[in-house]
PDB file of N, CA and C in Angstrom:
ATOM      1  N   MET A   1      12.440 192.108  39.590  1.00  0.00           N
ATOM      2  CA  MET A   1      10.880 191.639  40.970  1.00  0.00           C
ATOM      3  C   MET A   1       9.869 191.382  40.902  1.00  0.00           C
ATOM      4  N   HIS A   2       9.735 190.405  41.906  1.00  0.00           N
ATOM      5  CA  HIS A   2       8.799 190.076  41.941  1.00  0.00           C
ATOM      6  C   HIS A   2       7.591 190.127  43.187  1.00  0.00           C
ATOM      7  N   CYS A   3       7.285 189.080  43.301  1.00  0.00           N
ATOM      8  CA  CYS A   3       6.498 189.244  44.861  1.00  0.00           C
ATOM      9  C   CYS A   3       5.789 188.299  45.352  1.00  0.00           C
ATOM     10  N   HIS A   4       5.896 187.636  45.911  1.00  0.00           N
ATOM     11  CA  HIS A   4       5.407 185.944  46.530  1.00  0.00           C
ATOM     12  C   HIS A   4       4.454 185.790  47.648  1.00  0.00           C
ATOM     13  N   TYR A   5       3.393 186.181  47.778  1.00  0.00           N
ATOM     14  CA  TYR A   5       2.222 185.519  49.117  1.00  0.00           C
ATOM     15  C   TYR A   5       2.378 184.063  49.417  1.00  0.00           C
ATOM     16  N   VAL A   6       2.523 184.157  50.942  1.00  0.00           N
ATOM     17  CA  VAL A   6       1.730 183.325  51.846  1.00  0.00           C
ATOM     18  C   VAL A   6       0.643 183.826  52.154  1.00  0.00           C
ATOM     19  N   VAL A   7      -1.020 182.860  52.022  1.00  0.00           N
ATOM     20  CA  VAL A   7      -2.068 182.730  53.048  1.00  0.00           C
ATOM     21  C   VAL A   7      -2.658 181.707  53.695  1.00  0.00           C
ATOM     22  N   ASN A   8      -2.955 182.045  53.870  1.00  0.00           N
ATOM     23  CA  ASN A   8      -3.287 180.832  55.916  1.00  0.00           C
ATOM     24  C   ASN A   8      -4.698 180.568  54.536  1.00  0.00           C
ATOM     25  N   PRO A   9      -5.192 179.250  54.750  1.00  0.00           N
ATOM     26  CA  PRO A   9      -5.459 179.189  54.323  1.00  0.00           C
ATOM     27  C   PRO A   9      -7.486 178.875  54.283  1.00  0.00           C
ATOM     28  N   VAL A  10      -7.438 179.043  55.878  1.00  0.00           N
ATOM     29  CA  VAL A  10      -8.683 178.734  56.412  1.00  0.00           C
ATOM     30  C   VAL A  10      -8.275 180.632  57.294  1.00  0.00           C
ATOM     31  N   SER A  11      -9.406 181.133  57.252  1.00  0.00           N
ATOM     32  CA  SER A  11      -9.718 182.254  58.033  1.00  0.00           C
ATOM     33  C   SER A  11     -10.328 182.032  59.015  1.00  0.00           C
ATOM     34  N   PHE A  12      -8.563 183.400  59.833  1.00  0.00           N
ATOM     35  CA  PHE A  12      -9.684 183.569  61.255  1.00  0.00           C
ATOM     36  C   PHE A  12     -10.451 183.777  61.485  1.00  0.00           C
ATOM     37  N   LYS A  13     -11.140 184.843  60.921  1.00  0.00           N
ATOM     38  CA  LYS A  13     -12.481 184.974  60.816  1.00  0.00           C
ATOM     39  C   LYS A  13     -14.154 183.787  61.243  1.00  0.00           C
ATOM     40  N   ASP A  14     -14.017 183.158  60.260  1.00  0.00           N
ATOM     41  CA  ASP A  14     -14.903 183.016  60.320  1.00  0.00           C
ATOM     42  C   ASP A  14     -15.095 181.325  59.783  1.00  0.00           C
ATOM     43  N   GLY A  15     -12.874 180.564  59.435  1.00  0.00           N
ATOM     44  CA  GLY A  15     -13.112 179.223  59.624  1.00  0.00           C
ATOM     45  C   GLY A  15     -13.338 178.918  58.225  1.00  0.00           C
ATOM     46  N   ALA A  16     -13.884 179.652  57.024  1.00  0.00           N
ATOM     47  CA  ALA A  16     -14.023 179.799  55.841  1.00  0.00           C
ATOM     48  C   ALA A  16     -12.690 179.306  54.814  1.00  0.00           C
ATOM     49  N   LYS A  17     -12.908 178.153  54.391  1.00  0.00           N
ATOM     50  CA  LYS A  17     -11.361 177.665  53.349  1.00  0.00           C
ATOM     51  C   LYS A  17     -11.400 178.808  52.096  1.00  0.00           C
ATOM     52  N   PHE A  18     -10.087 179.346  52.136  1.00  0.00           N
ATOM     53  CA  PHE A  18      -9.960 180.047  50.797  1.00  0.00           C
ATOM     54  C   PHE A  18      -9.703 179.548  49.474  1.00  0.00           C
ATOM     55  N   LYS A  19     -10.860 179.440  48.445  1.00  0.00           N
ATOM     56  CA  LYS A  19     -10.747 179.912  47.239  1.00  0.00           C
ATOM     57  C   LYS A  19     -10.291 179.710  46.071  1.00  0.00           C
ATOM     58  N   ASN A  20      -9.197 180.355  46.436  1.00  0.00           N
ATOM     59  CA  ASN A  20      -8.224 180.957  45.074  1.00  0.00           C
ATOM     60  C   ASN A  20      -8.701 181.260  44.358  1.00  0.00           C
ATOM     61  N   LYS A  21      -9.580 182.039  43.975  1.00  0.00           N
ATOM     62  CA  LYS A  21     -10.572 182.076  42.626  1.00  0.00           C
ATOM     63  C   LYS A  21      -9.394 183.776  41.846  1.00  0.00           C
ATOM     64  N   ILE A  22     -10.193 183.764  40.501  1.00  0.00           N
ATOM     65  CA  ILE A  22      -9.383 184.817  40.103  1.00  0.00           C
ATOM     66  C   ILE A  22      -9.515 186.078  40.385  1.00  0.00           C
ATOM     67  N   GLY A  23     -10.709 186.658  40.928  1.00  0.00           N
ATOM     68  CA  GLY A  23     -11.342 187.539  42.058  1.00  0.00           C
ATOM     69  C   GLY A  23     -10.250 188.549  42.608  1.00  0.00           C
ATOM     70  N   ASP A  24      -9.774 186.583  43.909  1.00  0.00           N
ATOM     71  CA  ASP A  24      -8.135 186.413  44.942  1.00  0.00           C
ATOM     72  C   ASP A  24      -7.143 187.440  44.434  1.00  0.00           C
ATOM     73  N   HIS A  25      -6.791 186.594  43.057  1.00  0.00           N
ATOM     74  CA  HIS A  25      -5.577 187.136  42.228  1.00  0.00           C
ATOM     75  C   HIS A  25      -5.486 188.692  41.884  1.00  0.00           C
ATOM     76  N   LYS A  26      -6.875 189.212  41.361  1.00  0.00           N
ATOM     77  CA  LYS A  26      -7.223 189.866  40.842  1.00  0.00           C
ATOM     78  C   LYS A  26      -7.273 191.391  42.563  1.00  0.00           C
ATOM     79  N   GLU A  27      -7.357 190.997  43.737  1.00  0.00           N
ATOM     80  CA  GLU A  27      -7.273 191.786  45.080  1.00  0.00           C
ATOM     81  C   GLU A  27      -5.846 191.702  45.359  1.00  0.00           C
ATOM     82  N   LEU A  28      -5.411 190.956  45.068  1.00  0.00           N
ATOM     83  CA  LEU A  28      -3.468 190.663  46.219  1.00  0.00           C
ATOM     84  C   LEU A  28      -3.084 191.206  44.780  1.00  0.00           C
ATOM     85  N   ARG A  29      -3.705 191.516  43.779  1.00  0.00           N
ATOM     86  CA  ARG A  29      -2.571 192.093  42.310  1.00  0.00           C
ATOM     87  C   ARG A  29      -2.801 193.955  43.101  1.00  0.00           C
ATOM     88  N   LYS A  30      -3.492 193.591  43.248  1.00  0.00           N
ATOM     89  CA  LYS A  30      -4.001 195.495  43.165  1.00  0.00           C
ATOM     90  C   LYS A  30      -3.135 196.253  44.273  1.00  0.00           C
ATOM     91  N   ILE A  31      -3.056 194.923  45.497  1.00  0.00           N
ATOM     92  CA  ILE A  31      -2.356 195.471  46.934  1.00  0.00           C
ATOM     93  C   ILE A  31      -0.882 195.380  46.291  1.00  0.00           C
ATOM     94  N   SER A  32      -0.667 194.449  45.589  1.00  0.00           N
ATOM     95  CA  SER A  32       0.860 194.102  45.342  1.00  0.00           C
ATOM     96  C   SER A  32       1.181 195.548  45.041  1.00  0.00           C
ATOM     97  N   ASP A  33       0.508 195.676  43.305  1.00  0.00           N
ATOM     98  CA  ASP A  33       1.097 197.268  42.822  1.00  0.00           C
ATOM     99  C   ASP A  33       0.161 198.416  43.418  1.00  0.00           C
ATOM    100  N   GLU A  34      -0.317 198.640  44.555  1.00  0.00           N
ATOM    101  CA  GLU A  34       0.210 199.430  45.964  1.00  0.00           C
ATOM    102  C   GLU A  34       0.815 199.704  46.234  1.00  0.00           C
ATOM    103  N   ILE A  35       1.727 198.614  46.798  1.00  0.00           N
ATOM    104  CA  ILE A  35       3.138 198.514  47.821  1.00  0.00           C
ATOM    105  C   ILE A  35       3.722 198.571  47.168  1.00  0.00           C
ATOM    106  N   CYS A  36       4.139 198.410  45.521  1.00  0.00           N
ATOM    107  CA  CYS A  36       5.209 198.393  44.556  1.00  0.00           C
ATOM    108  C   CYS A  36       5.129 200.057  44.184  1.00  0.00           C
ATOM    109  N   ARG A  37       3.764 200.827  44.154  1.00  0.00           N
ATOM    110  CA  ARG A  37       4.172 202.485  43.788  1.00  0.00           C
ATOM    111  C   ARG A  37       4.383 202.900  44.594  1.00  0.00           C
ATOM    112  N   GLU A  38       4.198 202.500  46.703  1.00  0.00           N
ATOM    113  CA  GLU A  38       4.902 203.207  47.506  1.00  0.00           C
ATOM    114  C   GLU A  38       6.379 203.086  47.573  1.00  0.00           C
ATOM    115  N   HIS A  39       6.309 202.072  47.171  1.00  0.00           N
ATOM    116  CA  HIS A  39       8.306 202.351  47.008  1.00  0.00           C
ATOM    117  C   HIS A  39       8.492 202.096  45.766  1.00  0.00           C
ATOM    118  N   GLY A  40       8.082 203.204  44.854  1.00  0.00           N
ATOM    119  CA  GLY A  40       8.165 203.607  43.426  1.00  0.00           C
ATOM    120  C   GLY A  40       9.211 202.684  42.875  1.00  0.00           C
ATOM    121  N   LEU A  41       8.933 201.433  42.552  1.00  0.00           N
ATOM    122  CA  LEU A  41       8.637 200.313  41.398  1.00  0.00           C
ATOM    123  C   LEU A  41       7.895 200.248  40.753  1.00  0.00           C
ATOM    124  N   SER A  42       7.550 199.883  38.902  1.00  0.00           N
ATOM    125  CA  SER A  42       6.649 200.137  38.279  1.00  0.00           C
ATOM    126  C   SER A  42       5.985 198.462  38.311  1.00  0.00           C
ATOM    127  N   VAL A  43       4.657 199.150  37.745  1.00  0.00           N
ATOM    128  CA  VAL A  43       3.458 197.487  37.927  1.00  0.00           C
ATOM    129  C   VAL A  43       3.563 197.568  36.852  1.00  0.00           C
ATOM    130  N   LEU A  44       2.815 196.242  35.613  1.00  0.00           N
ATOM    131  CA  LEU A  44       2.177 196.492  35.343  1.00  0.00           C
ATOM    132  C   LEU A  44       0.909 196.677  34.813  1.00  0.00           C
ATOM    133  N   LYS A  45       0.942 196.902  33.508  1.00  0.00           N
ATOM    134  CA  LYS A  45      -0.879 197.905  32.919  1.00  0.00           C
ATOM    135  C   LYS A  45      -1.586 197.338  32.551  1.00  0.00           C
ATOM    136  N   ASN A  46      -2.962 197.051  32.124  1.00  0.00           N
ATOM    137  CA  ASN A  46      -3.645 196.773  31.680  1.00  0.00           C
ATOM    138  C   ASN A  46      -2.664 195.078  31.309  1.00  0.00           C
ATOM    139  N   SER A  47      -2.231 194.136  31.485  1.00  0.00           N
ATOM    140  CA  SER A  47      -2.191 192.892  32.056  1.00  0.00           C
ATOM    141  C   SER A  47      -2.963 192.217  31.961  1.00  0.00           C
ATOM    142  N   ASP A  48      -3.382 191.067  30.838  1.00  0.00           N
ATOM    143  CA  ASP A  48      -3.936 190.124  30.112  1.00  0.00           C
ATOM    144  C   ASP A  48      -3.459 189.202  31.050  1.00  0.00           C
ATOM    145  N   PHE A  49      -2.230 188.948  31.842  1.00  0.00           N
ATOM    146  CA  PHE A  49      -1.962 187.619  32.180  1.00  0.00           C
ATOM    147  C   PHE A  49      -2.764 186.909  32.747  1.00  0.00           C
ATOM    148  N   TYR A  50      -3.973 187.033  33.445  1.00  0.00           N
ATOM    149  CA  TYR A  50      -4.747 186.145  34.463  1.00  0.00           C
ATOM    150  C   TYR A  50      -6.172 186.471  33.614  1.00  0.00           C
ATOM    151  N   SER A  51      -6.205 186.700  32.631  1.00  0.00           N
ATOM    152  CA  SER A  51      -7.513 185.999  31.208  1.00  0.00           C
ATOM    153  C   SER A  51      -7.241 184.785  30.860  1.00  0.00           C
ATOM    154  N   LYS A  52      -8.448 184.164  30.344  1.00  0.00           N
ATOM    155  CA  LYS A  52      -8.648 182.664  30.133  1.00  0.00           C
ATOM    156  C   LYS A  52      -7.404 182.017  29.404  1.00  0.00           C
ATOM    157  N   GLY A  53      -6.887 181.268  29.294  1.00  0.00           N
ATOM    158  CA  GLY A  53      -6.224 180.900  28.680  1.00  0.00           C
ATOM    159  C   GLY A  53      -4.543 181.621  29.129  1.00  0.00           C
ATOM    160  N   LYS A  54      -4.245 182.433  29.295  1.00  0.00           N
ATOM    161  CA  LYS A  54      -3.097 183.455  29.128  1.00  0.00           C
ATOM    162  C   LYS A  54      -2.372 183.614  30.064  1.00  0.00           C
ATOM    163  N   LYS A  55      -2.231 182.085  30.971  1.00  0.00           N
ATOM    164  CA  LYS A  55      -1.110 182.017  31.917  1.00  0.00           C
ATOM    165  C   LYS A  55      -0.556 180.860  31.039  1.00  0.00           C
ATOM    166  N   LYS A  56      -0.836 180.401  31.495  1.00  0.00           N
ATOM    167  CA  LYS A  56      -0.650 178.733  29.882  1.00  0.00           C
ATOM    168  C   LYS A  56       0.436 179.203  28.594  1.00  0.00           C
ATOM    169  N   GLU A  57      -0.636 180.201  28.428  1.00  0.00           N
ATOM    170  CA  GLU A  57       0.475 180.572  26.790  1.00  0.00           C
ATOM    171  C   GLU A  57       1.526 181.138  27.369  1.00  0.00           C
ATOM    172  N   TYR A  58       1.567 181.956  27.963  1.00  0.00           N
ATOM    173  CA  TYR A  58       2.198 182.708  28.975  1.00  0.00           C
ATOM    174  C   TYR A  58       4.102 181.752  28.729  1.00  0.00           C
ATOM    175  N   TRP A  59       4.080 180.707  29.882  1.00  0.00           N
ATOM    176  CA  TRP A  59       4.555 179.612  29.906  1.00  0.00           C
ATOM    177  C   TRP A  59       5.476 179.463  29.206  1.00  0.00           C
ATOM    178  N   VAL A  60       4.109 178.596  27.878  1.00  0.00           N
ATOM    179  CA  VAL A  60       4.342 178.165  26.868  1.00  0.00           C
ATOM    180  C   VAL A  60       5.432 178.876  26.000  1.00  0.00           C
ATOM    181  N   HIS A  61       4.683 179.860  25.649  1.00  0.00           N
ATOM    182  CA  HIS A  61       5.377 180.719  24.873  1.00  0.00           C
ATOM    183  C   HIS A  61       7.300 181.342  25.614  1.00  0.00           C
ATOM    184  N   LYS A  62       6.918 182.104  26.293  1.00  0.00           N
ATOM    185  CA  LYS A  62       8.314 181.749  27.365  1.00  0.00           C
ATOM    186  C   LYS A  62       9.525 180.400  27.155  1.00  0.00           C
ATOM    187  N   ALA A  63       8.969 178.871  27.164  1.00  0.00           N
ATOM    188  CA  ALA A  63       9.367 178.589  26.368  1.00  0.00           C
ATOM    189  C   ALA A  63      10.195 178.473  25.798  1.00  0.00           C
ATOM    190  N   GLY A  64       9.898 179.207  24.655  1.00  0.00           N
ATOM    191  CA  GLY A  64      10.415 178.489  23.274  1.00  0.00           C
ATOM    192  C   GLY A  64       9.197 177.421  21.713  1.00  0.00           C
ATOM    193  N   LYS A  65       8.438 177.030  23.019  1.00  0.00           N
ATOM    194  CA  LYS A  65       7.016 176.342  22.546  1.00  0.00           C
ATOM    195  C   LYS A  65       6.246 177.429  21.808  1.00  0.00           C
ATOM    196  N   LYS A  66       5.175 176.036  21.091  1.00  0.00           N
ATOM    197  CA  LYS A  66       4.387 176.817  20.993  1.00  0.00           C
ATOM    198  C   LYS A  66       2.754 176.164  21.144  1.00  0.00           C
ATOM    199  N   THR A  67       2.145 176.980  20.871  1.00  0.00           N
ATOM    200  CA  THR A  67       0.359 176.546  21.829  1.00  0.00           C
ATOM    201  C   THR A  67      -0.570 175.657  20.373  1.00  0.00           C
ATOM    202  N   HIS A  68      -1.137 174.668  20.916  1.00  0.00           N
ATOM    203  CA  HIS A  68      -2.314 174.577  19.893  1.00  0.00           C
ATOM    204  C   HIS A  68      -2.348 175.793  19.343  1.00  0.00           C
ATOM    205  N   ARG A  69      -3.412 176.460  19.818  1.00  0.00           N
ATOM    206  CA  ARG A  69      -3.515 177.655  18.816  1.00  0.00           C
ATOM    207  C   ARG A  69      -2.502 178.492  17.401  1.00  0.00           C
ATOM    208  N   ASP A  70      -1.888 178.130  18.309  1.00  0.00           N
ATOM    209  CA  ASP A  70      -0.418 179.020  17.111  1.00  0.00           C
ATOM    210  C   ASP A  70      -0.694 177.850  16.015  1.00  0.00           C
ATOM    211  N   TYR A  71      -0.222 176.607  16.570  1.00  0.00           N
ATOM    212  CA  TYR A  71      -0.150 175.648  15.416  1.00  0.00           C
ATOM    213  C   TYR A  71      -1.870 175.952  14.561  1.00  0.00           C
ATOM    214  N   LEU A  72      -3.011 176.257  15.045  1.00  0.00           N
ATOM    215  CA  LEU A  72      -4.043 176.228  14.819  1.00  0.00           C
ATOM    216  C   LEU A  72      -3.751 177.597  13.803  1.00  0.00           C
ATOM    217  N   ARG A  73      -3.835 178.390  14.559  1.00  0.00           N
ATOM    218  CA  ARG A  73      -3.428 179.706  13.296  1.00  0.00           C
ATOM    219  C   ARG A  73      -2.985 179.624  12.024  1.00  0.00           C
ATOM    220  N   GLU A  74      -1.525 179.051  12.278  1.00  0.00           N
ATOM    221  CA  GLU A  74      -0.612 178.886  11.368  1.00  0.00           C
ATOM    222  C   GLU A  74      -1.437 178.053  10.047  1.00  0.00           C
ATOM    223  N   ASP A  75      -1.405 177.388  10.125  1.00  0.00           N
ATOM    224  CA  ASP A  75      -2.785 176.361   9.475  1.00  0.00           C
ATOM    225  C   ASP A  75      -3.977 176.626   8.706  1.00  0.00           C
ATOM    226  N   VAL A  76      -4.321 177.454   9.794  1.00  0.00           N
ATOM    227  CA  VAL A  76      -6.097 178.211   9.363  1.00  0.00           C
ATOM    228  C   VAL A  76      -5.311 178.820   8.410  1.00  0.00           C
ATOM    229  N   GLU A  77      -4.412 180.142   8.456  1.00  0.00           N
ATOM    230  CA  GLU A  77      -3.557 181.089   7.896  1.00  0.00           C
ATOM    231  C   GLU A  77      -3.097 180.428   5.909  1.00  0.00           C
ATOM    232  N   TYR A  78      -2.094 178.825   6.238  1.00  0.00           N
ATOM    233  CA  TYR A  78      -2.190 178.632   5.239  1.00  0.00           C
ATOM    234  C   TYR A  78      -3.378 178.074   4.239  1.00  0.00           C
ATOM    235  N   CYS A  79      -4.095 177.230   4.916  1.00  0.00           N
ATOM    236  CA  CYS A  79      -5.527 176.987   4.261  1.00  0.00           C
ATOM    237  C   CYS A  79      -6.171 178.428   3.573  1.00  0.00           C
ATOM    238  N   LEU A  80      -6.007 179.005   4.442  1.00  0.00           N
ATOM    239  CA  LEU A  80      -6.822 180.768   3.745  1.00  0.00           C
ATOM    240  C   LEU A  80      -6.194 181.002   1.837  1.00  0.00           C
ATOM    241  N   SER A  81      -4.796 180.811   2.564  1.00  0.00           N
ATOM    242  CA  SER A  81      -3.947 181.365   1.138  1.00  0.00           C
ATOM    243  C   SER A  81      -4.584 180.464  -0.260  1.00  0.00           C
ATOM    244  N   PHE A  82      -4.910 179.473   0.289  1.00  0.00           N
ATOM    245  CA  PHE A  82      -4.633 178.369  -1.456  1.00  0.00           C
ATOM    246  C   PHE A  82      -6.021 177.938  -1.330  1.00  0.00           C
ATOM    247  N   ALA A  83      -7.494 178.095  -0.897  1.00  0.00           N
ATOM    248  CA  ALA A  83      -8.396 178.143  -0.822  1.00  0.00           C
ATOM    249  C   ALA A  83      -9.072 179.105  -1.174  1.00  0.00           C
ATOM    250  N   THR A  84     -10.236 179.113  -2.304  1.00  0.00           N
ATOM    251  CA  THR A  84     -10.919 179.779  -3.487  1.00  0.00           C
ATOM    252  C   THR A  84     -12.588 179.989  -2.749  1.00  0.00           C
ATOM    253  N   SER A  85     -12.897 178.936  -1.585  1.00  0.00           N
ATOM    254  CA  SER A  85     -14.206 178.844  -1.361  1.00  0.00           C
ATOM    255  C   SER A  85     -14.322 177.990  -0.009  1.00  0.00           C
ATOM    256  N   PRO A  86     -15.990 178.589   0.229  1.00  0.00           N
ATOM    257  CA  PRO A  86     -15.494 177.716   2.097  1.00  0.00           C
ATOM    258  C   PRO A  86     -15.690 176.664   2.313  1.00  0.00           C
ATOM    259  N   ARG A  87     -16.308 175.948   1.060  1.00  0.00           N
ATOM    260  CA  ARG A  87     -15.940 174.817   0.753  1.00  0.00           C
ATOM    261  C   ARG A  87     -14.653 174.018   1.081  1.00  0.00           C
ATOM    262  N   GLU A  88     -14.452 174.537  -0.664  1.00  0.00           N
ATOM    263  CA  GLU A  88     -12.514 174.048  -0.335  1.00  0.00           C
ATOM    264  C   GLU A  88     -11.382 174.532   1.197  1.00  0.00           C
ATOM    265  N   PHE A  89     -12.019 175.314   1.493  1.00  0.00           N
ATOM    266  CA  PHE A  89     -11.173 176.176   2.752  1.00  0.00           C
ATOM    267  C   PHE A  89     -11.948 174.630   3.989  1.00  0.00           C
ATOM    268  N   GLU A  90     -12.872 174.722   3.975  1.00  0.00           N
ATOM    269  CA  GLU A  90     -13.531 173.021   4.985  1.00  0.00           C
ATOM    270  C   GLU A  90     -12.025 171.857   4.739  1.00  0.00           C
ATOM    271  N   SER A  91     -12.352 171.481   3.202  1.00  0.00           N
ATOM    272  CA  SER A  91     -11.357 170.217   2.540  1.00  0.00           C
ATOM    273  C   SER A  91     -10.090 170.341   3.100  1.00  0.00           C
ATOM    274  N   GLN A  92      -9.394 171.310   3.281  1.00  0.00           N
ATOM    275  CA  GLN A  92      -8.069 172.120   3.353  1.00  0.00           C
ATOM    276  C   GLN A  92      -7.855 171.138   4.942  1.00  0.00           C
ATOM    277  N   LEU A  93      -8.733 172.149   6.031  1.00  0.00           N
ATOM    278  CA  LEU A  93      -8.681 171.615   6.650  1.00  0.00           C
ATOM    279  C   LEU A  93      -8.339 170.170   7.268  1.00  0.00           C
ATOM    280  N   TYR A  94      -9.729 169.735   6.816  1.00  0.00           N
ATOM    281  CA  TYR A  94      -9.965 167.978   6.909  1.00  0.00           C
ATOM    282  C   TYR A  94      -9.125 167.893   6.829  1.00  0.00           C
ATOM    283  N   ALA A  95      -8.353 168.137   5.782  1.00  0.00           N
ATOM    284  CA  ALA A  95      -7.256 166.992   5.234  1.00  0.00           C
ATOM    285  C   ALA A  95      -5.686 167.277   6.057  1.00  0.00           C
ATOM    286  N   LEU A  96      -5.588 168.245   7.086  1.00  0.00           N
ATOM    287  CA  LEU A  96      -5.175 168.390   7.878  1.00  0.00           C
ATOM    288  C   LEU A  96      -5.131 167.870   9.544  1.00  0.00           C
ATOM    289  N   GLY A  97      -6.593 167.506   9.613  1.00  0.00           N
ATOM    290  CA  GLY A  97      -6.542 166.387  10.553  1.00  0.00           C
ATOM    291  C   GLY A  97      -7.286 166.624  10.912  1.00  0.00           C
ATOM    292  N   TYR A  98      -8.170 168.244  11.082  1.00  0.00           N
ATOM    293  CA  TYR A  98      -9.551 168.911  11.102  1.00  0.00           C
ATOM    294  C   TYR A  98     -10.177 168.689  11.284  1.00  0.00           C
ATOM    295  N   THR A  99     -12.034 169.059  12.336  1.00  0.00           N
ATOM    296  CA  THR A  99     -13.210 169.239  11.356  1.00  0.00           C
ATOM    297  C   THR A  99     -13.338 170.870  12.223  1.00  0.00           C
ATOM    298  N   LEU A 100     -14.293 170.897  10.949  1.00  0.00           N
ATOM    299  CA  LEU A 100     -15.333 172.662  10.849  1.00  0.00           C
ATOM    300  C   LEU A 100     -16.677 172.371  11.206  1.00  0.00           C
ATOM    301  N   ASP A 101     -17.246 172.661  12.507  1.00  0.00           N
ATOM    302  CA  ASP A 101     -18.993 172.940  12.995  1.00  0.00           C
ATOM    303  C   ASP A 101     -19.098 173.939  12.370  1.00  0.00           C
ATOM    304  N   PRO A 102     -19.566 174.327  10.901  1.00  0.00           N
ATOM    305  CA  PRO A 102     -20.152 175.552  10.230  1.00  0.00           C
ATOM    306  C   PRO A 102     -20.789 176.094  10.970  1.00  0.00           C
ATOM    307  N   VAL A 103     -21.594 175.659  11.822  1.00  0.00           N
ATOM    308  CA  VAL A 103     -22.432 176.635  12.419  1.00  0.00           C
ATOM    309  C   VAL A 103     -21.928 177.217  13.676  1.00  0.00           C
ATOM    310  N   ARG A 104     -20.986 176.527  14.952  1.00  0.00           N
ATOM    311  CA  ARG A 104     -20.286 177.695  15.607  1.00  0.00           C
ATOM    312  C   ARG A 104     -18.996 177.809  14.784  1.00  0.00           C
ATOM    313  N   PHE A 105     -18.902 177.829  14.029  1.00  0.00           N
ATOM    314  CA  PHE A 105     -17.679 178.209  13.890  1.00  0.00           C
ATOM    315  C   PHE A 105     -16.908 177.967  14.402  1.00  0.00           C
ATOM    316  N   SER A 106     -16.063 176.654  14.103  1.00  0.00           N
ATOM    317  CA  SER A 106     -15.299 175.864  15.026  1.00  0.00           C
ATOM    318  C   SER A 106     -14.226 175.018  14.234  1.00  0.00           C
ATOM    319  N   VAL A 107     -13.187 174.455  15.023  1.00  0.00           N
ATOM    320  CA  VAL A 107     -12.161 173.390  14.192  1.00  0.00           C
ATOM    321  C   VAL A 107     -11.426 172.850  15.823  1.00  0.00           C
ATOM    322  N   LYS A 108     -11.750 171.357  15.178  1.00  0.00           N
ATOM    323  CA  LYS A 108     -11.457 170.886  16.401  1.00  0.00           C
ATOM    324  C   LYS A 108      -9.975 169.553  15.213  1.00  0.00           C
ATOM    325  N   ALA A 109      -9.117 169.608  16.215  1.00  0.00           N
ATOM    326  CA  ALA A 109      -8.347 168.118  16.267  1.00  0.00           C
ATOM    327  C   ALA A 109      -8.635 167.680  16.456  1.00  0.00           C
ATOM    328  N   LYS A 110      -8.639 165.611  16.491  1.00  0.00           N
ATOM    329  CA  LYS A 110      -8.365 164.963  16.358  1.00  0.00           C
ATOM    330  C   LYS A 110      -8.102 164.530  18.217  1.00  0.00           C
ATOM    331  N   HIS A 111      -7.215 165.110  18.347  1.00  0.00           N
ATOM    332  CA  HIS A 111      -6.165 164.951  20.134  1.00  0.00           C
ATOM    333  C   HIS A 111      -6.954 165.689  20.583  1.00  0.00           C
ATOM    334  N   TRP A 112      -7.678 166.873  19.707  1.00  0.00           N
ATOM    335  CA  TRP A 112      -8.060 168.073  21.757  1.00  0.00           C
ATOM    336  C   TRP A 112      -9.132 168.248  22.098  1.00  0.00           C
ATOM    337  N   GLU A 113      -9.367 168.221  23.160  1.00  0.00           N
ATOM    338  CA  GLU A 113     -10.615 167.577  23.677  1.00  0.00           C
ATOM    339  C   GLU A 113     -12.006 168.967  23.136  1.00  0.00           C
ATOM    340  N   ARG A 114     -11.241 170.120  22.793  1.00  0.00           N
ATOM    341  CA  ARG A 114     -12.568 170.995  22.849  1.00  0.00           C
ATOM    342  C   ARG A 114     -12.539 171.545  21.505  1.00  0.00           C
ATOM    343  N   ALA A 115     -13.254 172.189  21.209  1.00  0.00           N
ATOM    344  CA  ALA A 115     -13.337 173.151  19.598  1.00  0.00           C
ATOM    345  C   ALA A 115     -12.212 174.492  19.740  1.00  0.00           C
ATOM    346  N   VAL A 116     -12.016 175.003  18.645  1.00  0.00           N
ATOM    347  CA  VAL A 116     -11.652 176.696  19.080  1.00  0.00           C
ATOM    348  C   VAL A 116     -12.179 176.920  17.812  1.00  0.00           C
ATOM    349  N   ARG A 117     -13.112 178.004  18.795  1.00  0.00           N
ATOM    350  CA  ARG A 117     -13.653 179.126  18.235  1.00  0.00           C
ATOM    351  C   ARG A 117     -12.886 179.674  16.475  1.00  0.00           C
ATOM    352  N   LEU A 118     -12.969 180.242  15.649  1.00  0.00           N
ATOM    353  CA  LEU A 118     -12.349 180.628  15.144  1.00  0.00           C
ATOM    354  C   LEU A 118     -13.131 182.207  14.491  1.00  0.00           C
ATOM    355  N   ASN A 119     -12.177 183.247  14.404  1.00  0.00           N
ATOM    356  CA  ASN A 119     -12.652 184.200  14.623  1.00  0.00           C
ATOM    357  C   ASN A 119     -12.910 185.457  12.992  1.00  0.00           C
ATOM    358  N   ALA A 120     -14.276 185.841  13.027  1.00  0.00           N
ATOM    359  CA  ALA A 120     -13.687 186.624  11.675  1.00  0.00           C
ATOM    360  C   ALA A 120     -13.171 187.780  11.332  1.00  0.00           C
TER     361      ALA A 120
END
């Protein structure tokens, strides 16, 4: 069970346009959760669905596919399993088509718009 919202894009109070920001989603979710609880329905707790990038990632995984971060994670783990030094790790990533920024500790593939930071 889920719900849908119908929102007037222009405020009847001041004529301001609805900007559809993440704070609006969180407020609508609070209202939805209250309604669900009133009717004895379950609510998602501690969901990071609206966190940065999580919504798109959710739908990609639901379709049985992988995100570019999934592929990166697999490639990094592969390189780490064989690398015996940081220099060798970097050269293995390079061989797979990545570039490594050692200052920011981020990785970028040729076809990506932005680099992805690696977490220690």
